[in-house]
């Protein structure tokens, strides 16, 4: 696989989505959870999406229950929670694993191309973020502590490329 456009995922509505649908856009991929200390970042992710979506930026949320079982809900519950509590309108996908033998192939690719601190590929917690260039290659990886608004300068620079 040469870039993120080679992957597909299943939307919360159960529909297959090819990431090639986002060709030419700056993409922010985030593993999310509804019952995490970082869950309020949904608000910042939505704000970033609203500010830049018309310029070619998309945020993609991938719920994950691997960290403290902080995403126990069904697809319907996850979607309703995100919309009701944070007004999320960016695309959300089916719950996936991001680590281990069952890790979604997209996240295997992301971890390989943007290892974390000290070169460790494993994702440490919810709300790890991957910023993708318009050509579908990985630009950078950001820790859960990095707030969405801290990515704005990087997003702007990738839009100018």
N, C-alpha and C. Protein backbone atom coordinates (compact mmCIF):
# COMPACT_ATOMS: atom_id res chain seq x y z
N UNK A 1 0.84 -1.18 0.00
CA UNK A 1 0.00 0.00 0.00
C UNK A 1 0.89 1.25 0.00
N UNK A 2 0.61 2.14 -0.93
CA UNK A 2 1.49 3.29 -1.09
C UNK A 2 0.97 4.56 -0.42
N UNK A 3 -0.33 4.64 -0.13
CA UNK A 3 -0.88 5.79 0.58
C UNK A 3 -2.25 5.43 1.15
N UNK A 4 -2.87 6.37 1.87
CA UNK A 4 -4.14 6.06 2.53
C UNK A 4 -5.28 5.82 1.54
N UNK A 5 -5.11 6.28 0.32
CA UNK A 5 -6.17 6.09 -0.67
C UNK A 5 -6.35 4.62 -1.06
N UNK A 6 -5.39 3.79 -0.69
CA UNK A 6 -5.47 2.36 -1.00
C UNK A 6 -6.37 1.60 -0.03
N UNK A 7 -6.88 2.28 1.01
CA UNK A 7 -7.65 1.62 2.05
C UNK A 7 -9.12 1.97 1.97
N UNK A 8 -9.92 1.13 2.61
CA UNK A 8 -11.34 1.42 2.75
C UNK A 8 -11.73 1.10 4.19
N UNK A 9 -12.89 1.60 4.58
CA UNK A 9 -13.41 1.36 5.92
C UNK A 9 -14.94 1.35 5.81
N UNK A 10 -15.58 0.98 6.89
CA UNK A 10 -17.03 0.92 6.92
C UNK A 10 -17.56 2.09 7.75
N UNK A 11 -18.48 2.84 7.17
CA UNK A 11 -19.05 3.99 7.88
C UNK A 11 -19.90 3.52 9.06
N UNK A 12 -20.24 4.45 9.95
CA UNK A 12 -21.13 4.10 11.07
C UNK A 12 -22.47 3.58 10.56
N UNK A 13 -22.85 4.01 9.37
CA UNK A 13 -24.11 3.54 8.78
C UNK A 13 -23.97 2.17 8.13
N UNK A 14 -22.76 1.59 8.18
CA UNK A 14 -22.56 0.25 7.64
C UNK A 14 -22.21 0.21 6.16
N UNK A 15 -21.88 1.36 5.59
CA UNK A 15 -21.56 1.43 4.17
C UNK A 15 -20.05 1.41 3.96
N UNK A 16 -19.58 0.67 2.94
CA UNK A 16 -18.15 0.71 2.64
C UNK A 16 -17.77 2.08 2.07
N UNK A 17 -16.61 2.58 2.51
CA UNK A 17 -16.12 3.88 2.05
C UNK A 17 -14.66 3.69 1.63
N UNK A 18 -14.36 4.05 0.40
CA UNK A 18 -12.97 4.03 -0.06
C UNK A 18 -12.34 5.36 0.34
N UNK A 19 -11.17 5.30 0.94
CA UNK A 19 -10.51 6.55 1.29
C UNK A 19 -10.07 7.33 0.06
N UNK A 20 -10.10 6.69 -1.10
CA UNK A 20 -9.82 7.42 -2.34
C UNK A 20 -10.90 8.46 -2.61
N UNK A 21 -12.05 8.36 -1.92
CA UNK A 21 -13.09 9.39 -2.02
C UNK A 21 -12.57 10.74 -1.54
N UNK A 22 -11.50 10.73 -0.76
CA UNK A 22 -10.95 11.96 -0.18
C UNK A 22 -9.67 12.41 -0.89
N UNK A 23 -9.43 11.87 -2.08
CA UNK A 23 -8.24 12.23 -2.85
C UNK A 23 -8.15 13.75 -3.02
N UNK A 24 -6.92 14.25 -2.83
CA UNK A 24 -6.69 15.68 -3.00
C UNK A 24 -7.02 16.53 -1.79
N UNK A 25 -7.50 15.90 -0.72
CA UNK A 25 -7.83 16.64 0.50
C UNK A 25 -6.74 16.42 1.55
N UNK A 26 -6.65 17.34 2.47
CA UNK A 26 -5.86 17.14 3.68
C UNK A 26 -6.78 16.37 4.63
N UNK A 27 -6.30 15.26 5.16
CA UNK A 27 -7.13 14.39 5.99
C UNK A 27 -6.55 14.31 7.39
N UNK A 28 -7.40 14.46 8.38
CA UNK A 28 -7.02 14.22 9.76
C UNK A 28 -7.74 12.97 10.23
N UNK A 29 -6.98 11.92 10.52
CA UNK A 29 -7.53 10.63 10.96
C UNK A 29 -7.30 10.52 12.46
N UNK A 30 -8.38 10.20 13.20
CA UNK A 30 -8.32 10.17 14.66
C UNK A 30 -9.01 8.92 15.18
N UNK A 31 -8.35 8.21 16.12
CA UNK A 31 -9.07 7.14 16.82
C UNK A 31 -9.78 7.78 18.01
N UNK A 32 -11.07 7.58 18.11
CA UNK A 32 -11.91 8.31 19.05
C UNK A 32 -12.55 7.38 20.07
N UNK A 33 -13.14 7.98 21.09
CA UNK A 33 -13.91 7.25 22.10
C UNK A 33 -14.87 8.22 22.78
N UNK A 34 -16.01 7.71 23.20
CA UNK A 34 -17.06 8.55 23.77
C UNK A 34 -16.98 8.73 25.27
N UNK A 35 -16.16 7.93 25.96
CA UNK A 35 -16.11 8.01 27.42
C UNK A 35 -14.67 8.16 27.90
N UNK A 36 -13.94 9.05 27.25
CA UNK A 36 -12.52 9.25 27.51
C UNK A 36 -12.31 10.67 28.03
N UNK A 37 -11.25 10.87 28.78
CA UNK A 37 -10.92 12.22 29.22
C UNK A 37 -10.67 13.18 28.07
N UNK A 38 -10.31 12.62 26.90
CA UNK A 38 -10.05 13.45 25.72
C UNK A 38 -11.29 13.62 24.84
N UNK A 39 -12.42 13.01 25.22
CA UNK A 39 -13.64 13.08 24.40
C UNK A 39 -14.04 14.51 24.06
N UNK A 40 -13.85 15.50 24.95
CA UNK A 40 -14.19 16.88 24.57
C UNK A 40 -13.43 17.38 23.34
N UNK A 41 -12.38 16.67 22.92
CA UNK A 41 -11.69 17.06 21.69
C UNK A 41 -12.61 16.93 20.46
N UNK A 42 -13.70 16.19 20.58
CA UNK A 42 -14.66 16.15 19.47
C UNK A 42 -15.06 17.57 19.08
N UNK A 43 -15.23 18.44 20.07
CA UNK A 43 -15.63 19.83 19.80
C UNK A 43 -14.57 20.52 18.94
N UNK A 44 -13.29 20.36 19.31
CA UNK A 44 -12.20 20.97 18.55
C UNK A 44 -12.04 20.36 17.17
N UNK A 45 -12.26 19.05 17.07
CA UNK A 45 -12.18 18.39 15.76
C UNK A 45 -13.27 18.90 14.84
N UNK A 46 -14.47 19.06 15.38
CA UNK A 46 -15.58 19.58 14.59
C UNK A 46 -15.32 21.03 14.18
N UNK A 47 -14.77 21.83 15.08
CA UNK A 47 -14.46 23.23 14.76
C UNK A 47 -13.42 23.30 13.64
N UNK A 48 -12.39 22.46 13.73
CA UNK A 48 -11.36 22.43 12.68
C UNK A 48 -12.00 22.02 11.34
N UNK A 49 -12.84 21.01 11.39
CA UNK A 49 -13.54 20.55 10.18
C UNK A 49 -14.39 21.68 9.58
N UNK A 50 -15.16 22.35 10.41
CA UNK A 50 -16.02 23.42 9.90
C UNK A 50 -15.21 24.57 9.32
N UNK A 51 -14.11 24.90 9.96
CA UNK A 51 -13.29 26.02 9.49
C UNK A 51 -12.63 25.73 8.14
N UNK A 52 -12.23 24.48 7.91
CA UNK A 52 -11.42 24.17 6.74
C UNK A 52 -12.05 23.24 5.71
N UNK A 53 -13.26 22.74 5.96
CA UNK A 53 -13.82 21.75 5.04
C UNK A 53 -14.01 22.31 3.63
N UNK A 54 -14.39 23.56 3.51
CA UNK A 54 -14.59 24.15 2.18
C UNK A 54 -13.28 24.42 1.46
N UNK A 55 -12.17 24.33 2.20
CA UNK A 55 -10.84 24.53 1.60
C UNK A 55 -10.18 23.21 1.25
N UNK A 56 -10.84 22.09 1.60
CA UNK A 56 -10.30 20.78 1.24
C UNK A 56 -9.72 19.98 2.39
N UNK A 57 -10.30 20.13 3.58
CA UNK A 57 -9.87 19.36 4.75
C UNK A 57 -11.03 18.48 5.20
N UNK A 58 -10.71 17.25 5.57
CA UNK A 58 -11.72 16.37 6.15
C UNK A 58 -11.15 15.70 7.39
N UNK A 59 -11.99 15.54 8.39
CA UNK A 59 -11.65 14.82 9.61
C UNK A 59 -12.37 13.48 9.53
N UNK A 60 -11.66 12.40 9.83
CA UNK A 60 -12.25 11.06 9.82
C UNK A 60 -12.08 10.46 11.21
N UNK A 61 -13.19 10.12 11.86
CA UNK A 61 -13.15 9.56 13.20
C UNK A 61 -13.34 8.06 13.18
N UNK A 62 -12.47 7.36 13.88
CA UNK A 62 -12.52 5.90 13.97
C UNK A 62 -12.65 5.49 15.44
N UNK A 63 -13.88 5.26 15.91
CA UNK A 63 -14.07 4.83 17.29
C UNK A 63 -13.31 3.54 17.59
N UNK A 64 -12.78 3.49 18.81
CA UNK A 64 -11.97 2.35 19.24
C UNK A 64 -12.25 2.07 20.71
N UNK A 65 -12.42 0.80 21.05
CA UNK A 65 -12.73 0.40 22.43
C UNK A 65 -11.55 -0.29 23.11
N UNK A 66 -10.34 -0.12 22.55
CA UNK A 66 -9.18 -0.84 23.08
C UNK A 66 -8.55 -0.19 24.30
N UNK A 67 -8.90 1.02 24.62
CA UNK A 67 -8.24 1.73 25.71
C UNK A 67 -9.24 1.98 26.83
N UNK A 68 -9.16 1.19 27.87
CA UNK A 68 -10.06 1.36 29.00
C UNK A 68 -11.52 1.12 28.68
N UNK A 69 -11.79 0.42 27.59
CA UNK A 69 -13.18 0.15 27.16
C UNK A 69 -14.02 1.43 27.17
N UNK A 70 -13.45 2.47 26.59
CA UNK A 70 -14.10 3.78 26.62
C UNK A 70 -15.00 4.06 25.42
N UNK A 71 -15.20 3.05 24.59
CA UNK A 71 -16.13 3.18 23.47
C UNK A 71 -16.97 1.90 23.38
N UNK A 72 -17.84 1.66 24.38
CA UNK A 72 -18.59 0.41 24.41
C UNK A 72 -19.83 0.39 23.52
N UNK A 73 -20.27 1.53 23.02
CA UNK A 73 -21.55 1.63 22.33
C UNK A 73 -21.59 0.99 20.96
N UNK A 74 -22.81 0.86 20.47
CA UNK A 74 -23.06 0.41 19.11
C UNK A 74 -22.82 1.58 18.15
N UNK A 75 -22.80 1.29 16.87
CA UNK A 75 -22.62 2.35 15.87
C UNK A 75 -23.70 3.42 16.04
N UNK A 76 -24.93 3.01 16.25
CA UNK A 76 -26.04 3.96 16.41
C UNK A 76 -25.84 4.82 17.65
N UNK A 77 -25.42 4.20 18.76
CA UNK A 77 -25.18 4.95 19.99
C UNK A 77 -24.02 5.92 19.84
N UNK A 78 -22.95 5.49 19.18
CA UNK A 78 -21.79 6.35 18.98
C UNK A 78 -22.18 7.58 18.16
N UNK A 79 -22.87 7.35 17.05
CA UNK A 79 -23.29 8.46 16.19
C UNK A 79 -24.20 9.44 16.91
N UNK A 80 -25.16 8.91 17.66
CA UNK A 80 -26.09 9.77 18.39
C UNK A 80 -25.36 10.58 19.46
N UNK A 81 -24.44 9.94 20.18
CA UNK A 81 -23.67 10.63 21.22
C UNK A 81 -22.87 11.78 20.61
N UNK A 82 -22.15 11.50 19.54
CA UNK A 82 -21.29 12.52 18.93
C UNK A 82 -22.08 13.69 18.39
N UNK A 83 -23.22 13.39 17.77
CA UNK A 83 -24.05 14.45 17.21
C UNK A 83 -24.69 15.29 18.32
N UNK A 84 -25.27 14.60 19.30
CA UNK A 84 -25.99 15.30 20.37
C UNK A 84 -25.05 16.12 21.25
N UNK A 85 -23.93 15.55 21.66
CA UNK A 85 -23.06 16.21 22.63
C UNK A 85 -22.03 17.15 22.02
N UNK A 86 -21.64 16.89 20.77
CA UNK A 86 -20.56 17.70 20.18
C UNK A 86 -20.88 18.22 18.79
N UNK A 87 -22.08 17.96 18.29
CA UNK A 87 -22.48 18.45 16.97
C UNK A 87 -21.62 17.93 15.84
N UNK A 88 -21.08 16.72 16.01
CA UNK A 88 -20.17 16.16 15.01
C UNK A 88 -20.89 15.93 13.69
N UNK A 89 -20.30 16.49 12.62
CA UNK A 89 -20.81 16.26 11.27
C UNK A 89 -19.76 15.62 10.36
N UNK A 90 -18.50 15.53 10.84
CA UNK A 90 -17.47 14.90 10.01
C UNK A 90 -17.70 13.39 9.99
N UNK A 91 -17.17 12.70 8.99
CA UNK A 91 -17.43 11.25 8.85
C UNK A 91 -16.88 10.44 10.02
N UNK A 92 -17.73 9.54 10.50
CA UNK A 92 -17.35 8.59 11.53
C UNK A 92 -17.48 7.18 10.95
N UNK A 93 -16.64 6.31 11.42
CA UNK A 93 -16.60 4.94 10.90
C UNK A 93 -16.91 3.94 12.00
N UNK A 94 -17.11 2.70 11.57
CA UNK A 94 -17.36 1.62 12.51
C UNK A 94 -16.22 1.49 13.50
N UNK A 95 -16.57 1.01 14.67
CA UNK A 95 -15.58 0.77 15.71
C UNK A 95 -14.54 -0.23 15.21
N UNK A 96 -13.26 0.09 15.46
CA UNK A 96 -12.15 -0.75 14.99
C UNK A 96 -11.13 -0.94 16.09
N UNK A 97 -10.20 -1.86 15.87
CA UNK A 97 -9.00 -1.97 16.69
C UNK A 97 -7.90 -1.21 15.98
N UNK A 98 -7.04 -0.56 16.77
CA UNK A 98 -5.92 0.17 16.19
C UNK A 98 -4.58 -0.50 16.51
N UNK A 99 -4.58 -1.41 17.45
CA UNK A 99 -3.39 -2.16 17.85
C UNK A 99 -3.70 -3.66 17.82
N UNK A 100 -2.64 -4.46 17.80
CA UNK A 100 -2.81 -5.91 17.90
C UNK A 100 -3.07 -6.59 16.58
N UNK A 101 -3.32 -7.89 16.66
CA UNK A 101 -3.51 -8.72 15.47
C UNK A 101 -4.73 -8.32 14.65
N UNK A 102 -5.72 -7.74 15.30
CA UNK A 102 -6.96 -7.36 14.62
C UNK A 102 -6.99 -5.88 14.22
N UNK A 103 -5.85 -5.20 14.32
CA UNK A 103 -5.81 -3.77 13.98
C UNK A 103 -6.24 -3.56 12.53
N UNK A 104 -7.04 -2.54 12.31
CA UNK A 104 -7.49 -2.21 10.96
C UNK A 104 -6.26 -1.94 10.09
N UNK A 105 -6.27 -2.43 8.86
CA UNK A 105 -5.12 -2.23 7.97
C UNK A 105 -4.71 -0.77 7.80
N UNK A 106 -5.66 0.16 7.81
CA UNK A 106 -5.33 1.57 7.71
C UNK A 106 -4.43 1.99 8.87
N UNK A 107 -4.77 1.55 10.07
CA UNK A 107 -3.97 1.95 11.23
C UNK A 107 -2.64 1.21 11.26
N UNK A 108 -2.57 0.03 10.72
CA UNK A 108 -1.27 -0.64 10.58
C UNK A 108 -0.36 0.21 9.69
N UNK A 109 -0.93 0.69 8.58
CA UNK A 109 -0.18 1.55 7.66
C UNK A 109 0.25 2.85 8.34
N UNK A 110 -0.69 3.51 9.02
CA UNK A 110 -0.40 4.79 9.67
C UNK A 110 0.72 4.64 10.70
N UNK A 111 0.65 3.61 11.51
CA UNK A 111 1.67 3.41 12.55
C UNK A 111 3.03 3.12 11.93
N UNK A 112 3.04 2.41 10.82
CA UNK A 112 4.30 2.10 10.14
C UNK A 112 4.94 3.37 9.58
N UNK A 113 4.13 4.27 9.05
CA UNK A 113 4.64 5.47 8.40
C UNK A 113 4.79 6.67 9.33
N UNK A 114 4.28 6.56 10.54
CA UNK A 114 4.44 7.63 11.52
C UNK A 114 4.52 7.00 12.91
N UNK A 115 5.66 6.39 13.22
CA UNK A 115 5.80 5.78 14.54
C UNK A 115 5.74 6.84 15.63
N UNK A 116 5.35 6.42 16.79
CA UNK A 116 5.21 7.35 17.91
C UNK A 116 6.53 7.68 18.56
N UNK A 117 6.44 8.15 19.78
CA UNK A 117 7.61 8.55 20.55
C UNK A 117 8.59 7.38 20.67
N UNK A 118 9.85 7.67 20.49
CA UNK A 118 10.93 6.67 20.58
C UNK A 118 10.76 5.55 19.56
N UNK A 119 10.04 5.82 18.49
CA UNK A 119 9.90 4.84 17.41
C UNK A 119 8.91 3.73 17.68
N UNK A 120 8.19 3.80 18.78
CA UNK A 120 7.19 2.78 19.08
C UNK A 120 5.97 3.00 18.20
N UNK A 121 5.58 1.98 17.47
CA UNK A 121 4.46 2.13 16.55
C UNK A 121 3.11 2.06 17.25
N UNK A 122 3.03 1.39 18.38
CA UNK A 122 1.74 1.20 19.04
C UNK A 122 1.08 2.53 19.38
N UNK A 123 -0.22 2.56 19.21
CA UNK A 123 -1.00 3.72 19.63
C UNK A 123 -1.23 3.57 21.13
N UNK A 124 -0.95 4.63 21.86
CA UNK A 124 -0.99 4.56 23.32
C UNK A 124 -2.37 4.83 23.91
N UNK A 125 -3.20 5.63 23.22
CA UNK A 125 -4.49 5.98 23.80
C UNK A 125 -5.40 6.57 22.73
N UNK A 126 -6.66 6.80 23.13
CA UNK A 126 -7.64 7.42 22.25
C UNK A 126 -7.20 8.84 21.86
N UNK A 127 -7.68 9.27 20.72
CA UNK A 127 -7.44 10.61 20.18
C UNK A 127 -5.99 10.83 19.73
N UNK A 128 -5.34 9.73 19.32
CA UNK A 128 -4.10 9.85 18.57
C UNK A 128 -4.51 10.31 17.18
N UNK A 129 -3.76 11.25 16.62
CA UNK A 129 -4.15 11.88 15.35
C UNK A 129 -3.06 11.69 14.31
N UNK A 130 -3.49 11.49 13.06
CA UNK A 130 -2.57 11.38 11.93
C UNK A 130 -3.01 12.38 10.88
N UNK A 131 -2.10 13.25 10.49
CA UNK A 131 -2.40 14.24 9.46
C UNK A 131 -1.83 13.74 8.14
N UNK A 132 -2.69 13.74 7.12
CA UNK A 132 -2.36 13.18 5.82
C UNK A 132 -2.31 14.29 4.77
N UNK A 133 -1.25 14.27 3.96
CA UNK A 133 -1.09 15.26 2.88
C UNK A 133 -2.09 14.99 1.75
N UNK A 134 -2.22 15.97 0.87
CA UNK A 134 -3.15 15.85 -0.26
C UNK A 134 -2.80 14.70 -1.20
N UNK A 135 -1.55 14.22 -1.17
CA UNK A 135 -1.17 13.08 -2.03
C UNK A 135 -1.43 11.74 -1.35
N UNK A 136 -2.02 11.78 -0.14
CA UNK A 136 -2.38 10.54 0.56
C UNK A 136 -1.28 9.96 1.43
N UNK A 137 -0.15 10.65 1.54
CA UNK A 137 0.94 10.16 2.39
C UNK A 137 0.84 10.80 3.77
N UNK A 138 1.44 10.12 4.75
CA UNK A 138 1.38 10.59 6.14
C UNK A 138 2.32 11.77 6.33
N UNK A 139 1.79 12.84 6.88
CA UNK A 139 2.60 14.02 7.21
C UNK A 139 3.17 13.89 8.62
N UNK A 140 2.29 13.62 9.61
CA UNK A 140 2.76 13.54 10.98
C UNK A 140 1.73 12.84 11.85
N UNK A 141 2.21 12.46 13.03
CA UNK A 141 1.39 11.82 14.06
C UNK A 141 1.41 12.72 15.28
N UNK A 142 0.25 12.83 15.96
CA UNK A 142 0.13 13.71 17.12
C UNK A 142 -0.44 12.92 18.30
N UNK A 143 0.09 13.19 19.47
CA UNK A 143 -0.33 12.50 20.68
C UNK A 143 -1.74 12.92 21.10
N UNK A 144 -2.40 12.09 21.91
CA UNK A 144 -3.73 12.43 22.40
C UNK A 144 -3.79 13.79 23.11
N UNK A 145 -2.71 14.17 23.77
CA UNK A 145 -2.68 15.46 24.47
C UNK A 145 -2.70 16.65 23.52
N UNK A 146 -2.33 16.44 22.27
CA UNK A 146 -2.32 17.53 21.29
C UNK A 146 -3.75 17.87 20.91
N UNK A 147 -4.14 19.10 21.20
CA UNK A 147 -5.51 19.54 20.91
C UNK A 147 -5.66 19.85 19.43
N UNK A 148 -6.86 19.62 18.88
CA UNK A 148 -7.07 19.89 17.45
C UNK A 148 -6.64 21.29 17.02
N UNK A 149 -6.87 22.30 17.85
CA UNK A 149 -6.51 23.66 17.46
C UNK A 149 -5.00 23.84 17.32
N UNK A 150 -4.23 22.96 17.94
CA UNK A 150 -2.77 23.03 17.81
C UNK A 150 -2.30 22.52 16.43
N UNK A 151 -3.19 21.94 15.66
CA UNK A 151 -2.84 21.42 14.34
C UNK A 151 -3.10 22.43 13.22
N UNK A 152 -3.70 23.54 13.55
CA UNK A 152 -4.15 24.49 12.52
C UNK A 152 -3.00 24.95 11.62
N UNK A 153 -1.86 25.29 12.17
CA UNK A 153 -0.74 25.76 11.33
C UNK A 153 -0.27 24.67 10.37
N UNK A 154 -0.21 23.42 10.85
CA UNK A 154 0.18 22.32 9.98
C UNK A 154 -0.86 22.10 8.88
N UNK A 155 -2.12 22.20 9.24
CA UNK A 155 -3.20 22.04 8.24
C UNK A 155 -3.07 23.12 7.18
N UNK A 156 -2.88 24.36 7.61
CA UNK A 156 -2.74 25.47 6.65
C UNK A 156 -1.55 25.26 5.72
N UNK A 157 -0.44 24.80 6.27
CA UNK A 157 0.75 24.59 5.41
C UNK A 157 0.51 23.47 4.41
N UNK A 158 -0.22 22.45 4.80
CA UNK A 158 -0.51 21.35 3.85
C UNK A 158 -1.51 21.79 2.79
N UNK A 159 -2.40 22.69 3.13
CA UNK A 159 -3.33 23.21 2.12
C UNK A 159 -2.60 24.01 1.06
N UNK A 160 -1.50 24.64 1.43
CA UNK A 160 -0.73 25.46 0.49
C UNK A 160 0.17 24.63 -0.41
N UNK A 161 0.40 23.36 -0.07
CA UNK A 161 1.30 22.52 -0.88
C UNK A 161 0.67 22.17 -2.22
